[in-house]
Amino acid sequence: MLLIILLLLFQMSYVRTFSKIQHNMRPSMHTSIQYSNIIKDTILNDPKMPMIYTNKYLKKCIINGIADDARSAEGSKGSKGSKGAEGAEGALTCSSISKNIARGVAKSNYNRQFVSAEHIYPQCLLDGKQSNDMHNIIKTLNTLNANRSNYKFHEDYDIKSKNWVELECNNYVNHKDKVFVPNNDSRGFISRAILYMYKEYNCNPQKIIDIEILKKWYYNFSPTIDERYHNDIIKRLQNKNNIFISNYNKKNKGIKKILDSL
């Protein structure tokens, strides 16, 4: 009889403990789902948000849905039988990217099939709070996101090596050495996202980029209008500012001190 009573008491204690655990988990799960929706609405669904690893011509094609008409639309601005300089440049760049991707993204209105959220400082190296910081999350094409993986950023590639693969928009990847070379349009944004994660969470930049390359990209590629827009939107939502964007200045003593500490 005593044994039965003890078993009943143990069972009741277990049920109460399990219920308490479930109760404590629900807010966390709800918060995670809620934050995922915020990231989706803020980063992915806003056509004004920048796209990392791409270029302004691809973004123009995607937003306006003119991938197939880039050559004729811009070329018609010039005189008959010739092309304007802007048209020739636009046609040349659009021809170097995948028109099927540009057209597909435009028609799908940023469907998940084509666009995803990229963590510049890899998500696998971050905890939950760090991983949700949208100063480190930027929209990109799924194919480029998958190829970058969590590889280290590099500046140069060897076109003669069979290990290097050319991707869309002048990006390159070496899966054997786990190295990713982004195009010039992306390098400044990448450097400032990494510096933000270092300042805010003490994330080690050397895990994903050589320090000299990081500094070089920061100084050589100033913030774009799209990058500043990204920072302004995230600042309003998170009440956190990326000073490496808003206070960008090659002579800024505070930023120079941070860079020298690396």
Protein backbone atom coordinates (compact mmCIF):
# COMPACT_ATOMS: atom_id res chain seq x y z
CA MET A 1 0.00 0.00 0.00
CA LEU A 2 2.81 2.37 0.92
CA LEU A 3 4.57 1.54 -2.34
CA ILE A 4 1.46 2.40 -4.36
CA ILE A 5 1.12 5.76 -2.57
CA LEU A 6 4.80 6.56 -3.26
CA LEU A 7 4.38 5.68 -6.94
CA LEU A 8 1.31 7.93 -7.21
CA LEU A 9 3.14 10.81 -5.58
CA PHE A 10 6.10 10.35 -7.95
CA GLN A 11 3.79 10.32 -10.97
CA MET A 12 2.03 13.50 -9.84
CA SER A 13 5.38 15.21 -9.31
CA TYR A 14 6.55 14.18 -12.79
CA VAL A 15 3.38 15.49 -14.44
CA ARG A 16 3.70 18.86 -12.67
CA THR A 17 7.38 19.14 -13.65
CA PHE A 18 6.68 18.27 -17.30
CA SER A 19 3.82 20.76 -17.47
CA LYS A 20 6.07 23.45 -16.04
CA ILE A 21 8.74 22.72 -18.66
CA GLN A 22 6.17 22.91 -21.46
CA HIS A 23 4.84 26.17 -20.08
CA ASN A 24 8.35 27.64 -20.00
CA MET A 25 9.07 26.46 -23.53
CA ARG A 26 5.99 27.96 -25.17
CA PRO A 27 7.07 31.61 -24.96
CA SER A 28 10.49 30.72 -26.35
CA MET A 29 8.99 28.85 -29.31
CA HIS A 30 6.48 31.60 -29.90
CA THR A 31 9.22 34.23 -29.76
CA SER A 32 11.34 32.27 -32.23
CA ILE A 33 8.47 31.97 -34.72
CA GLN A 34 7.55 35.60 -34.23
CA TYR A 35 11.12 36.73 -34.81
CA SER A 36 11.38 34.60 -37.94
CA ASN A 37 8.34 36.39 -39.31
CA ILE A 38 9.89 39.78 -38.47
CA ILE A 39 13.07 38.81 -40.32
CA LYS A 40 11.05 37.61 -43.29
CA ASP A 41 8.94 40.77 -43.45
CA THR A 42 11.87 43.10 -42.84
CA ILE A 43 14.69 41.52 -44.80
CA LEU A 44 13.08 39.37 -47.48
CA ASN A 45 9.82 41.07 -48.38
CA ASP A 46 11.07 44.64 -48.61
CA PRO A 47 12.19 45.23 -52.22
CA LYS A 48 14.29 48.22 -51.09
CA MET A 49 16.49 46.00 -48.94
CA PRO A 50 19.92 45.25 -50.45
CA MET A 51 20.88 41.85 -51.82
CA ILE A 52 24.34 40.70 -50.84
CA TYR A 53 26.59 38.90 -53.37
CA THR A 54 24.55 40.36 -56.24
CA ASN A 55 24.83 43.73 -57.99
CA LYS A 56 22.65 46.75 -58.75
CA TYR A 57 21.82 45.51 -62.24
CA LEU A 58 20.45 42.19 -60.99
CA LYS A 59 18.40 43.99 -58.36
CA LYS A 60 17.02 46.31 -61.02
CA CYS A 61 16.08 43.32 -63.17
CA ILE A 62 14.38 41.63 -60.22
CA ILE A 63 12.42 44.63 -58.99
CA ASN A 64 11.24 45.74 -62.43
CA GLY A 65 10.99 42.28 -63.96
CA ILE A 66 12.92 43.38 -67.04
CA ALA A 67 15.63 40.74 -67.27
CA ASP A 68 14.75 39.84 -70.86
CA ASP A 69 14.21 43.46 -71.91
CA ALA A 70 17.33 45.02 -70.38
CA ARG A 71 19.17 45.29 -73.70
CA SER A 72 16.31 46.74 -75.76
CA ALA A 73 14.87 48.99 -73.06
CA GLU A 74 18.14 50.73 -72.29
CA GLY A 75 19.41 50.63 -75.85
CA SER A 76 16.34 52.45 -77.16
CA LYS A 77 17.43 55.56 -75.26
CA GLY A 78 20.24 56.06 -77.78
CA SER A 79 19.87 56.98 -81.44
CA LYS A 80 18.55 54.49 -83.99
CA GLY A 81 21.12 51.86 -84.87
CA SER A 82 23.24 52.63 -81.79
CA LYS A 83 23.08 52.10 -78.05
CA GLY A 84 23.45 54.60 -75.24
CA ALA A 85 26.28 54.07 -72.79
CA GLU A 86 23.86 53.23 -69.99
CA GLY A 87 22.05 50.72 -72.21
CA ALA A 88 25.24 48.99 -73.27
CA GLU A 89 26.43 48.69 -69.67
CA GLY A 90 23.07 47.39 -68.45
CA ALA A 91 22.82 44.88 -71.28
CA LEU A 92 26.36 43.64 -70.70
CA THR A 93 25.82 43.11 -66.98
CA CYS A 94 22.39 41.51 -67.29
CA SER A 95 23.75 39.11 -69.88
CA SER A 96 26.36 37.94 -67.38
CA ILE A 97 23.76 36.80 -64.84
CA SER A 98 21.10 34.12 -64.93
CA LYS A 99 18.05 35.70 -66.57
CA ASN A 100 15.95 32.75 -65.46
CA ILE A 101 16.76 33.54 -61.83
CA ALA A 102 16.05 37.25 -62.24
CA ARG A 103 12.76 36.59 -64.01
CA GLY A 104 11.77 33.92 -61.50
CA VAL A 105 12.42 36.12 -58.49
CA ALA A 106 10.55 39.03 -60.05
CA LYS A 107 7.47 36.92 -60.82
CA SER A 108 7.49 35.16 -57.45
CA ASN A 109 7.73 38.42 -55.47
CA TYR A 110 10.77 37.18 -53.52
CA ASN A 111 9.53 33.62 -53.20
CA ARG A 112 11.55 31.37 -50.87
CA GLN A 113 12.52 29.32 -53.88
CA PHE A 114 14.87 32.08 -54.99
CA VAL A 115 15.68 34.37 -52.04
CA SER A 116 16.82 33.64 -48.48
CA ALA A 117 18.38 35.39 -45.49
CA GLU A 118 22.17 35.19 -45.33
CA HIS A 119 24.12 35.51 -42.09
CA ILE A 120 27.37 37.28 -42.94
CA TYR A 121 28.92 36.03 -39.71
CA PRO A 122 27.82 32.35 -39.98
CA GLN A 123 24.81 31.31 -37.93
CA CYS A 124 26.55 28.12 -36.79
CA LEU A 125 29.05 30.25 -34.85
CA LEU A 126 26.39 32.31 -33.05
CA ASP A 127 23.98 31.81 -30.16
CA GLY A 128 20.25 32.59 -30.36
CA LYS A 129 20.44 36.31 -29.56
CA GLN A 130 23.39 36.90 -31.86
CA SER A 131 21.80 34.87 -34.64
CA ASN A 132 18.66 37.04 -34.63
CA ASP A 133 20.50 40.35 -34.96
CA MET A 134 19.40 41.68 -38.34
CA HIS A 135 22.46 43.89 -38.78
CA ASN A 136 24.13 40.59 -39.69
CA ILE A 137 21.28 39.28 -41.87
CA ILE A 138 21.06 40.31 -45.51
CA LYS A 139 18.94 39.07 -48.38
CA THR A 140 20.57 37.06 -51.18
CA LEU A 141 19.83 34.42 -53.81
CA ASN A 142 19.39 30.90 -52.46
CA THR A 143 22.05 29.54 -54.80
CA LEU A 144 24.64 32.04 -53.56
CA ASN A 145 23.63 31.50 -49.93
CA ALA A 146 24.06 27.75 -50.29
CA ASN A 147 27.42 28.05 -52.04
CA ARG A 148 28.82 30.49 -49.50
CA SER A 149 27.74 28.14 -46.68
CA ASN A 150 29.85 29.09 -43.63
CA TYR A 151 33.05 29.45 -45.64
CA LYS A 152 35.73 32.01 -44.91
CA PHE A 153 35.78 35.14 -47.06
CA HIS A 154 38.77 35.64 -49.31
CA GLU A 155 39.89 38.30 -51.77
CA ASP A 156 41.51 36.41 -54.62
CA TYR A 157 40.86 33.25 -56.60
CA ASP A 158 42.93 31.21 -59.02
CA ILE A 159 41.03 30.92 -62.29
CA LYS A 160 43.44 28.21 -63.45
CA SER A 161 42.62 25.95 -60.50
CA LYS A 162 39.92 23.35 -61.03
CA ASN A 163 38.79 23.80 -57.43
CA TRP A 164 37.39 27.27 -58.10
CA VAL A 165 33.82 27.59 -59.36
CA GLU A 166 32.39 30.78 -60.87
CA LEU A 167 28.94 31.68 -59.54
CA GLU A 168 26.37 34.32 -60.46
CA CYS A 169 27.36 38.00 -60.33
CA ASN A 170 31.15 37.50 -60.27
CA ASN A 171 31.33 35.48 -57.05
CA TYR A 172 33.66 32.49 -56.72
CA VAL A 173 33.77 29.50 -54.37
CA ASN A 174 36.31 26.82 -53.55
CA HIS A 175 34.48 23.98 -51.81
CA LYS A 176 37.66 22.00 -51.24
CA ASP A 177 39.36 24.77 -49.25
CA LYS A 178 36.02 26.17 -47.96
CA VAL A 179 36.68 29.67 -49.24
CA PHE A 180 34.26 32.18 -50.81
CA VAL A 181 35.26 35.25 -52.86
CA PRO A 182 32.45 37.85 -53.03
CA ASN A 183 32.13 40.46 -55.75
CA ASN A 184 33.30 44.04 -55.22
CA ASP A 185 29.75 45.33 -54.71
CA SER A 186 29.43 43.22 -51.55
CA ARG A 187 32.78 43.66 -49.85
CA GLY A 188 32.11 46.88 -47.94
CA PHE A 189 28.79 45.62 -46.58
CA ILE A 190 30.44 42.36 -45.50
CA SER A 191 33.24 44.15 -43.66
CA ARG A 192 30.85 46.42 -41.73
CA ALA A 193 28.56 43.56 -40.72
CA ILE A 194 31.56 41.60 -39.38
CA LEU A 195 32.90 44.65 -37.52
CA TYR A 196 29.46 45.21 -35.97
CA MET A 197 29.36 41.61 -34.71
CA TYR A 198 32.84 42.04 -33.26
CA LYS A 199 31.95 45.26 -31.44
CA GLU A 200 28.50 44.11 -30.26
CA TYR A 201 29.18 40.46 -29.33
CA ASN A 202 32.97 40.09 -29.47
CA CYS A 203 32.68 37.62 -32.37
CA ASN A 204 36.16 36.80 -33.63
CA PRO A 205 36.55 38.15 -37.21
CA GLN A 206 39.54 35.91 -37.89
CA LYS A 207 37.26 32.88 -37.98
CA ILE A 208 35.74 34.11 -41.24
CA ILE A 209 38.16 36.64 -42.77
CA ASP A 210 41.80 37.73 -42.57
CA ILE A 211 42.10 40.97 -40.60
CA GLU A 212 44.03 42.84 -43.30
CA ILE A 213 41.38 41.97 -45.89
CA LEU A 214 38.66 43.08 -43.48
CA LYS A 215 40.30 46.48 -42.99
CA LYS A 216 40.98 46.86 -46.69
CA TRP A 217 37.34 46.19 -47.63
CA TYR A 218 36.09 48.56 -44.93
CA TYR A 219 38.22 51.48 -46.15
CA ASN A 220 38.06 50.82 -49.90
CA PHE A 221 34.29 50.25 -50.23
CA SER A 222 32.21 52.99 -48.63
CA PRO A 223 28.56 52.41 -47.57
CA THR A 224 26.00 52.48 -50.38
CA ILE A 225 22.53 54.02 -50.26
CA ASP A 226 21.05 50.50 -49.94
CA GLU A 227 23.39 49.68 -47.08
CA ARG A 228 22.40 52.83 -45.21
CA TYR A 229 18.73 52.02 -45.80
CA HIS A 230 19.27 48.54 -44.30
CA ASN A 231 20.95 50.06 -41.25
CA ASP A 232 18.21 52.68 -40.74
CA ILE A 233 15.39 50.10 -40.86
CA ILE A 234 17.13 47.67 -38.50
CA LYS A 235 18.07 50.49 -36.13
CA ARG A 236 14.39 51.44 -35.76
CA LEU A 237 13.37 47.84 -35.05
CA GLN A 238 16.22 46.80 -32.74
CA ASN A 239 17.23 50.15 -31.30
CA LYS A 240 20.80 49.25 -32.23
CA ASN A 241 22.94 51.14 -34.73
CA ASN A 242 25.82 49.90 -36.86
CA ILE A 243 28.28 52.75 -36.33
CA PHE A 244 30.55 51.36 -39.05
CA ILE A 245 27.85 52.40 -41.52
CA SER A 246 26.33 55.53 -39.97
CA ASN A 247 29.69 56.96 -38.78
CA TYR A 248 31.76 55.80 -41.73
CA ASN A 249 34.77 58.03 -42.10
CA LYS A 250 38.34 57.02 -42.85
CA LYS A 251 39.52 59.54 -40.27
CA ASN A 252 37.07 58.59 -37.49
CA LYS A 253 39.30 58.10 -34.43
CA GLY A 254 36.81 55.89 -32.57
CA ILE A 255 36.45 53.46 -35.45
CA LYS A 256 40.18 53.49 -36.15
CA LYS A 257 40.78 52.52 -32.52
CA ILE A 258 38.45 49.52 -32.90
CA LEU A 259 40.15 48.46 -36.13
CA ASP A 260 43.59 48.79 -34.55
CA SER A 261 42.47 46.52 -31.69
CA LEU A 262 41.87 43.60 -34.04
